[in-house]
C-alpha atoms as a PDB file:
ATOM      1  CA  MET A   1       0.000   0.000   0.000  1.00  0.00           C
ATOM      2  CA  GLU A   2       2.870   2.328   0.744  1.00  0.00           C
ATOM      3  CA  SER A   3       4.276   1.904  -2.771  1.00  0.00           C
ATOM      4  CA  LEU A   4       0.866   2.750  -4.245  1.00  0.00           C
ATOM      5  CA  SER A   5       0.657   6.002  -2.301  1.00  0.00           C
ATOM      6  CA  ALA A   6       4.244   6.849  -3.300  1.00  0.00           C
ATOM      7  CA  TRP A   7       3.319   6.182  -6.937  1.00  0.00           C
ATOM      8  CA  ILE A   8       0.242   8.436  -6.693  1.00  0.00           C
ATOM      9  CA  ILE A   9       2.264  11.251  -5.081  1.00  0.00           C
ATOM     10  CA  ALA A  10       4.916  10.901  -7.803  1.00  0.00           C
ATOM     11  CA  LEU A  11       2.201  11.047 -10.473  1.00  0.00           C
ATOM     12  CA  PHE A  12       0.751  14.291  -9.102  1.00  0.00           C
ATOM     13  CA  ALA A  13       4.246  15.764  -8.690  1.00  0.00           C
ATOM     14  CA  SER A  14       5.316  14.897 -12.257  1.00  0.00           C
ATOM     15  CA  ASP A  15       6.007  17.418 -15.014  1.00  0.00           C
ATOM     16  CA  GLY A  16       2.904  16.259 -16.897  1.00  0.00           C
ATOM     17  CA  ILE A  17       0.466  17.349 -14.201  1.00  0.00           C
ATOM     18  CA  ASP A  18       0.271  20.984 -15.368  1.00  0.00           C
ATOM     19  CA  PRO A  19      -1.040  20.221 -18.880  1.00  0.00           C
ATOM     20  CA  ALA A  20      -3.285  17.463 -17.500  1.00  0.00           C
ATOM     21  CA  LEU A  21      -4.749  19.917 -14.982  1.00  0.00           C
ATOM     22  CA  PHE A  22      -5.293  22.579 -17.664  1.00  0.00           C
ATOM     23  CA  ILE A  23      -6.978  20.162 -20.080  1.00  0.00           C
ATOM     24  CA  THR A  24      -9.172  18.627 -17.383  1.00  0.00           C
ATOM     25  CA  ALA A  25     -10.179  22.071 -16.116  1.00  0.00           C
ATOM     26  CA  PHE A  26     -10.960  23.211 -19.665  1.00  0.00           C
ATOM     27  CA  ILE A  27     -13.096  20.173 -20.465  1.00  0.00           C
ATOM     28  CA  SER A  28     -14.955  20.252 -17.156  1.00  0.00           C
ATOM     29  CA  ALA A  29     -16.041  23.863 -17.843  1.00  0.00           C
ATOM     30  CA  THR A  30     -17.828  22.809 -21.001  1.00  0.00           C
ATOM     31  CA  LEU A  31     -20.952  20.693 -21.167  1.00  0.00           C
ATOM     32  CA  PHE A  32     -18.782  17.560 -20.928  1.00  0.00           C
ATOM     33  CA  PRO A  33     -18.324  16.031 -17.469  1.00  0.00           C
ATOM     34  CA  GLY A  34     -14.976  16.326 -15.762  1.00  0.00           C
ATOM     35  CA  GLY A  35     -13.354  16.617 -12.383  1.00  0.00           C
ATOM     36  CA  SER A  36     -10.482  19.050 -12.269  1.00  0.00           C
ATOM     37  CA  GLU A  37     -10.883  19.473  -8.499  1.00  0.00           C
ATOM     38  CA  ALA A  38      -9.442  16.025  -7.765  1.00  0.00           C
ATOM     39  CA  ILE A  39      -6.417  16.633  -9.986  1.00  0.00           C
ATOM     40  CA  LEU A  40      -5.840  20.057  -8.437  1.00  0.00           C
ATOM     41  CA  ALA A  41      -6.124  18.632  -4.922  1.00  0.00           C
ATOM     42  CA  GLY A  42      -3.706  15.817  -5.728  1.00  0.00           C
ATOM     43  CA  ALA A  43      -1.194  18.159  -7.355  1.00  0.00           C
ATOM     44  CA  ILE A  44      -1.305  20.568  -4.397  1.00  0.00           C
ATOM     45  CA  ALA A  45      -0.943  17.708  -1.916  1.00  0.00           C
ATOM     46  CA  ALA A  46       2.103  16.427  -3.839  1.00  0.00           C
ATOM     47  CA  THR A  47       3.707  19.848  -4.332  1.00  0.00           C
ATOM     48  CA  PRO A  48       2.197  22.314  -1.832  1.00  0.00           C
ATOM     49  CA  GLU A  49       4.792  24.972  -2.636  1.00  0.00           C
ATOM     50  CA  ARG A  50       3.289  25.239  -6.148  1.00  0.00           C
ATOM     51  CA  TRP A  51      -0.309  25.829  -4.984  1.00  0.00           C
ATOM     52  CA  LEU A  52      -0.637  29.323  -6.438  1.00  0.00           C
ATOM     53  CA  TRP A  53       0.681  28.243  -9.849  1.00  0.00           C
ATOM     54  CA  LEU A  54      -1.595  25.197  -9.885  1.00  0.00           C
ATOM     55  CA  VAL A  55      -4.629  27.327  -8.959  1.00  0.00           C
ATOM     56  CA  ALA A  56      -3.713  29.698 -11.807  1.00  0.00           C
ATOM     57  CA  VAL A  57      -3.430  26.814 -14.292  1.00  0.00           C
ATOM     58  CA  ALA A  58      -6.791  25.354 -13.242  1.00  0.00           C
ATOM     59  CA  THR A  59      -8.499  28.764 -13.234  1.00  0.00           C
ATOM     60  CA  THR A  60      -7.148  29.606 -16.693  1.00  0.00           C
ATOM     61  CA  GLY A  61      -8.219  26.285 -18.198  1.00  0.00           C
ATOM     62  CA  ASN A  62     -11.651  26.375 -16.574  1.00  0.00           C
ATOM     63  CA  THR A  63     -12.225  30.017 -17.570  1.00  0.00           C
ATOM     64  CA  LEU A  64     -11.238  29.376 -21.188  1.00  0.00           C
ATOM     65  CA  GLY A  65     -13.540  26.349 -21.268  1.00  0.00           C
ATOM     66  CA  ALA A  66     -16.406  28.498 -19.991  1.00  0.00           C
ATOM     67  CA  MET A  67     -15.622  31.179 -22.572  1.00  0.00           C
ATOM     68  CA  THR A  68     -15.822  28.478 -25.241  1.00  0.00           C
ATOM     69  CA  SER A  69     -19.365  27.850 -24.027  1.00  0.00           C
ATOM     70  CA  TRP A  70     -19.967  31.620 -24.145  1.00  0.00           C
ATOM     71  CA  VAL A  71     -18.917  31.648 -27.823  1.00  0.00           C
ATOM     72  CA  ILE A  72     -21.161  28.670 -28.576  1.00  0.00           C
ATOM     73  CA  GLY A  73     -24.033  30.535 -26.921  1.00  0.00           C
ATOM     74  CA  ARG A  74     -23.631  33.335 -29.451  1.00  0.00           C
ATOM     75  CA  PHE A  75     -24.638  30.908 -32.211  1.00  0.00           C
ATOM     76  CA  ILE A  76     -27.716  29.407 -30.551  1.00  0.00           C
ATOM     77  CA  PRO A  77     -30.907  30.689 -32.160  1.00  0.00           C
ATOM     78  CA  GLN A  78     -33.363  32.597 -29.982  1.00  0.00           C
ATOM     79  CA  LYS A  79     -36.050  30.455 -28.369  1.00  0.00           C
ATOM     80  CA  LYS A  80     -39.283  31.342 -26.659  1.00  0.00           C
ATOM     81  CA  THR A  81     -38.794  29.661 -23.255  1.00  0.00           C
ATOM     82  CA  PRO A  82     -35.682  30.910 -21.446  1.00  0.00           C
ATOM     83  CA  SER A  83     -33.720  28.495 -19.277  1.00  0.00           C
ATOM     84  CA  GLN A  84     -33.004  28.981 -15.583  1.00  0.00           C
ATOM     85  CA  ALA A  85     -29.528  30.278 -16.471  1.00  0.00           C
ATOM     86  CA  VAL A  86     -31.016  32.884 -18.817  1.00  0.00           C
ATOM     87  CA  GLN A  87     -33.466  33.958 -16.115  1.00  0.00           C
ATOM     88  CA  TRP A  88     -30.603  34.357 -13.604  1.00  0.00           C
ATOM     89  CA  LEU A  89     -28.639  36.461 -16.072  1.00  0.00           C
ATOM     90  CA  GLN A  90     -31.671  38.588 -16.906  1.00  0.00           C
ATOM     91  CA  ARG A  91     -32.244  39.189 -13.207  1.00  0.00           C
ATOM     92  CA  TRP A  92     -28.663  39.588 -11.929  1.00  0.00           C
ATOM     93  CA  GLY A  93     -26.736  40.508 -15.087  1.00  0.00           C
ATOM     94  CA  ALA A  94     -23.073  39.589 -15.369  1.00  0.00           C
ATOM     95  CA  TRP A  95     -22.919  39.028 -11.591  1.00  0.00           C
ATOM     96  CA  ALA A  96     -24.623  35.668 -12.165  1.00  0.00           C
ATOM     97  CA  LEU A  97     -21.457  34.542 -13.976  1.00  0.00           C
ATOM     98  CA  LEU A  98     -19.746  34.331 -10.578  1.00  0.00           C
ATOM     99  CA  LEU A  99     -21.813  31.155 -10.145  1.00  0.00           C
ATOM    100  CA  SER A 100     -20.428  29.488 -13.271  1.00  0.00           C
ATOM    101  CA  TRP A 101     -18.336  27.235 -11.017  1.00  0.00           C
ATOM    102  CA  LEU A 102     -21.450  25.460  -9.713  1.00  0.00           C
ATOM    103  CA  PRO A 103     -21.908  21.832 -10.735  1.00  0.00           C
ATOM    104  CA  VAL A 104     -24.513  21.133 -13.450  1.00  0.00           C
ATOM    105  CA  VAL A 105     -26.134  24.607 -13.763  1.00  0.00           C
ATOM    106  CA  GLY A 106     -22.789  26.423 -13.833  1.00  0.00           C
ATOM    107  CA  ASP A 107     -21.965  25.129 -17.313  1.00  0.00           C
ATOM    108  CA  ALA A 108     -25.150  26.651 -18.709  1.00  0.00           C
ATOM    109  CA  ILE A 109     -24.549  30.141 -17.317  1.00  0.00           C
ATOM    110  CA  PRO A 110     -21.690  31.117 -19.711  1.00  0.00           C
ATOM    111  CA  LEU A 111     -23.666  29.562 -22.580  1.00  0.00           C
ATOM    112  CA  ALA A 112     -26.640  31.738 -21.639  1.00  0.00           C
ATOM    113  CA  ALA A 113     -24.388  34.791 -21.287  1.00  0.00           C
ATOM    114  CA  GLY A 114     -23.209  34.328 -24.870  1.00  0.00           C
ATOM    115  CA  TRP A 115     -26.796  33.837 -25.996  1.00  0.00           C
ATOM    116  CA  LEU A 116     -27.784  37.105 -24.265  1.00  0.00           C
ATOM    117  CA  ARG A 117     -24.758  38.869 -25.779  1.00  0.00           C
ATOM    118  CA  ILE A 118     -23.290  39.918 -22.419  1.00  0.00           C
ATOM    119  CA  ASP A 119     -20.002  41.742 -23.033  1.00  0.00           C
ATOM    120  CA  PRO A 120     -17.185  39.182 -23.505  1.00  0.00           C
ATOM    121  CA  LEU A 121     -14.617  40.994 -21.342  1.00  0.00           C
ATOM    122  CA  THR A 122     -17.120  41.455 -18.518  1.00  0.00           C
ATOM    123  CA  SER A 123     -18.083  37.787 -18.846  1.00  0.00           C
ATOM    124  CA  LEU A 124     -14.438  36.724 -18.780  1.00  0.00           C
ATOM    125  CA  LEU A 125     -13.717  38.718 -15.624  1.00  0.00           C
ATOM    126  CA  PHE A 126     -16.746  37.462 -13.676  1.00  0.00           C
ATOM    127  CA  ILE A 127     -16.209  33.860 -14.774  1.00  0.00           C
ATOM    128  CA  ALA A 128     -12.509  33.972 -13.850  1.00  0.00           C
ATOM    129  CA  ALA A 129     -13.282  35.517 -10.456  1.00  0.00           C
ATOM    130  CA  GLY A 130     -15.839  32.848  -9.560  1.00  0.00           C
ATOM    131  CA  LYS A 131     -13.724  29.961 -10.759  1.00  0.00           C
ATOM    132  CA  GLY A 132     -10.563  31.357  -9.148  1.00  0.00           C
ATOM    133  CA  LEU A 133     -12.300  31.674  -5.787  1.00  0.00           C
ATOM    134  CA  ARG A 134     -13.531  28.093  -6.028  1.00  0.00           C
ATOM    135  CA  TYR A 135     -10.035  26.781  -6.789  1.00  0.00           C
ATOM    136  CA  CYS A 136      -8.552  28.897  -3.975  1.00  0.00           C
ATOM    137  CA  GLY A 137     -11.059  27.268  -1.632  1.00  0.00           C
ATOM    138  CA  ILE A 138      -9.915  23.840  -2.773  1.00  0.00           C
ATOM    139  CA  ALA A 139      -6.282  24.862  -2.282  1.00  0.00           C
ATOM    140  CA  ALA A 140      -7.030  26.175   1.202  1.00  0.00           C
ATOM    141  CA  ALA A 141      -8.756  22.937   2.141  1.00  0.00           C
ATOM    142  CA  VAL A 142      -5.879  20.802   0.848  1.00  0.00           C
ATOM    143  CA  LEU A 143      -3.188  22.986   2.412  1.00  0.00           C
ATOM    144  CA  GLY A 144      -5.043  22.886   5.707  1.00  0.00           C
ATOM    145  CA  ILE A 145      -4.918  19.106   5.560  1.00  0.00           C
ATOM    146  CA  VAL A 146      -1.300  18.949   4.350  1.00  0.00           C
ATOM    147  CA  ALA A 147       0.117  21.583   6.710  1.00  0.00           C
END
């Protein structure tokens, strides 16, 4: 069992973890399922001194994935019945994009923001802030356990 845990720690400390974290974070921000949180937590546990860099990598990948959904939303034709995400954005504006980190409904919020033509730079900033805060929370939890 000890060799298995050493192997897992070595895997999360390897040079390939940064691109794997970015790609997983990107994919999990789209409508495809993914779990970048587990990879981030493992990478921070293996190399706690790199936590800020790893949070930045995950936040960048997840934000760019969400902005991909935003772009896709620009091409969706108008429909008569707005989704819950559209209703949130109509009520709260770009502030609702802070919730794009939420499981399930969070993926639809950037899509709806593109559909509603919310300014791309404003969308990018709110999405990045929400996702960055979520990843900082994960880092804090892991570092609290590791420290």
